[in-house]
Each structure stands twice: as C-alpha cells, then as structure tokens.
Protein backbone atom coordinates (compact mmCIF):
# COMPACT_ATOMS: atom_id res chain seq x y z
CA MET A 1 26.82 33.53 7.65
CA TRP A 2 26.14 31.07 10.49
CA GLU A 3 22.49 32.16 10.61
CA ASP A 4 22.15 31.57 6.85
CA ARG A 5 23.38 27.99 7.25
CA LEU A 6 20.98 27.42 10.13
CA ASN A 7 18.08 28.78 8.07
CA GLU A 8 19.13 26.64 5.11
CA LYS A 9 19.25 23.53 7.31
CA LYS A 10 15.77 24.25 8.71
CA LEU A 11 14.39 24.87 5.24
CA LEU A 12 15.84 21.60 3.92
CA GLU A 13 14.38 19.75 6.91
CA LYS A 14 10.94 21.21 6.20
CA ILE A 15 11.21 20.29 2.53
CA ASN A 16 12.15 16.73 3.46
CA ILE A 17 9.24 16.50 5.89
CA LEU A 18 6.87 17.72 3.18
CA CYS A 19 8.33 15.14 0.82
CA LEU A 20 7.81 12.42 3.45
CA ILE A 21 4.18 13.48 3.96
CA GLU A 22 3.65 13.49 0.19
CA ILE A 23 5.08 9.95 -0.03
CA ILE A 24 2.70 8.82 2.71
CA PHE A 25 -0.41 10.40 1.18
CA SER A 26 0.45 9.14 -2.30
CA ARG A 27 0.09 5.54 -1.10
CA PRO A 28 -3.20 3.74 -0.48
CA ALA A 29 -4.29 3.63 3.17
CA GLU A 30 -3.89 -0.14 3.25
CA ASP A 31 -0.30 0.10 1.95
CA ARG A 32 1.47 2.39 4.38
CA THR A 33 4.51 0.19 5.00
CA ILE A 34 7.22 2.13 3.19
CA PRO A 35 10.77 0.94 2.59
CA LEU A 36 13.35 3.38 3.95
CA THR A 37 15.13 3.13 0.59
CA VAL A 38 12.07 4.62 -1.14
CA ILE A 39 12.08 7.58 1.23
CA ALA A 40 15.86 7.95 0.84
CA GLU A 41 15.55 7.92 -2.95
CA ARG A 42 12.76 10.52 -3.03
CA THR A 43 14.32 12.83 -0.42
CA LYS A 44 17.93 12.34 -1.59
CA LEU A 45 18.92 11.47 2.01
CA SER A 46 21.00 8.64 3.41
CA ILE A 47 19.20 5.85 5.30
CA GLU A 48 20.55 7.27 8.58
CA ASP A 49 19.17 10.70 7.72
CA VAL A 50 15.83 9.13 6.76
CA GLU A 51 15.69 7.51 10.19
CA HIS A 52 16.42 10.89 11.79
CA LEU A 53 13.71 12.51 9.64
CA LEU A 54 11.21 9.84 10.72
CA MET A 55 12.14 10.20 14.38
CA LYS A 56 11.76 13.97 14.15
CA SER A 57 8.38 13.62 12.43
CA LEU A 58 7.25 11.09 15.04
CA SER A 59 8.43 13.24 17.94
CA VAL A 60 6.48 16.33 16.81
CA HIS A 61 3.40 14.17 16.05
CA LEU A 62 3.31 14.83 12.32
CA ILE A 63 3.07 11.08 11.86
CA GLU A 64 2.42 8.02 13.97
CA GLY A 65 4.00 4.71 13.16
CA ILE A 66 6.73 2.18 13.77
CA ILE A 67 10.24 2.10 12.32
CA ASP A 68 11.45 -1.43 11.59
CA GLN A 69 15.21 -1.16 11.20
CA VAL A 70 15.63 -4.91 10.70
CA ASN A 71 13.40 -4.96 7.61
CA GLY A 72 14.32 -1.39 6.62
CA THR A 73 10.71 -0.17 6.59
CA VAL A 74 8.42 2.23 8.38
CA TYR A 75 4.73 1.57 8.99
CA ILE A 76 2.71 4.78 9.08
CA SER A 77 -0.59 4.43 10.92
CA TRP A 78 -1.51 8.14 10.85
CA ALA A 79 -0.28 11.38 9.30
CA GLN A 80 -1.20 14.95 10.16
CA PRO A 81 -3.78 16.23 7.68
CA ARG A 82 -2.66 19.13 5.56
CA VAL A 83 -4.05 21.75 3.21
CA LEU A 84 -5.00 20.11 -0.06
CA GLY A 85 -4.71 21.45 -3.58
CA ILE A 86 -6.94 20.47 -6.50
CA PRO A 87 -4.70 17.51 -7.55
CA GLN A 88 -4.71 16.11 -4.00
CA ILE A 89 -8.49 16.53 -3.75
CA LYS A 90 -8.92 14.67 -7.06
CA SER A 91 -6.64 11.92 -5.77
CA LEU A 92 -8.72 11.65 -2.57
CA ARG A 93 -11.88 11.49 -4.65
CA ASP A 94 -10.38 8.65 -6.69
CA GLN A 95 -9.36 6.84 -3.50
CA LEU A 96 -12.86 7.25 -2.06
CA ASP A 97 -14.41 5.99 -5.31
CA SER A 98 -12.13 2.95 -5.14
CA TRP A 99 -13.08 2.38 -1.51
CA VAL A 100 -16.80 2.64 -2.33
CA ASP A 101 -16.33 0.07 -5.12
CA LYS A 102 -14.55 -2.30 -2.70
CA VAL A 103 -17.30 -1.89 -0.11
CA HIS A 104 -19.98 -2.52 -2.75
CA THR A 105 -18.15 -5.64 -3.99
CA THR A 106 -17.86 -6.90 -0.42
CA LEU A 107 -21.56 -6.25 0.17
CA LEU A 108 -22.50 -8.21 -2.95
CA SER A 109 -20.22 -11.04 -1.87
CA VAL A 110 -21.74 -11.14 1.63
CA GLU A 111 -25.26 -11.05 0.18
CA ALA A 112 -24.43 -13.91 -2.21
CA GLU A 113 -22.88 -16.02 0.54
CA THR A 114 -25.58 -15.42 3.15
CA PRO A 115 -28.90 -14.80 1.36
CA ASP A 116 -30.96 -15.93 4.37
CA LEU A 117 -29.30 -13.44 6.70
CA VAL A 118 -29.61 -10.37 4.50
CA ALA A 119 -33.12 -9.02 4.03
CA ALA A 120 -33.72 -7.35 0.68
C-alpha cells in the first residue's frame, strides 16, 4: 500500500515534469518567461507546488533558468532536449521557417540601410 502511494507520487511528478517541458517547448525561444499561474493551470498544481516542480527540474538539470517569485514568473534559458514525435518535428520546422524569415527580413533591412557596406 505504502509502495503504491510512493509509485503514484513519482509517476505524478514525472507527468508534471513532462507537462512543464511541453509548456517550455510550445513557446517561442524568445518568449521563455512563463507566468507560474500558467504552469499551475496546465499542471493542476498550486503555485507552491509549481515552485517545487521548478526547483526539482533545475536541480536535476532538466532546465536552466531563474524563478522570479516577486513577479510570479520563471525565465527558462535552456531545457533538456527530448525525443520528438512527428507533431513536435513539424512544430520545430515551422519555428525554423519563421526564424529564417526573420533573418531574411533583417538582412534586407541591413542591406537597405547600409548599401555601401554590403557588396552584392
């Protein structure tokens, strides 16, 4: 009985960590400041439990970041890569396409602003 509760607790913790990682990877790389309330809502945890989940994830190096308790946010600078399914690969492709478009737009802007510096 006691062992079943321990296994259940560990399983729920793993599910919550997977949910946290999914929240992180579902956001654009430039928008990785996540309100604790968003994590609490998606994981069905209290804010205190979200903080514990974040500290656990930070301590085992699944993520790197900073918890800002005053503003009630966490900034994630890095997350452990994971095995990707087809939907995640498609999402990454879309993110890369978006990034390529941004880089191309920036290049055109730089070329337009500094035509003498950029050789064609």
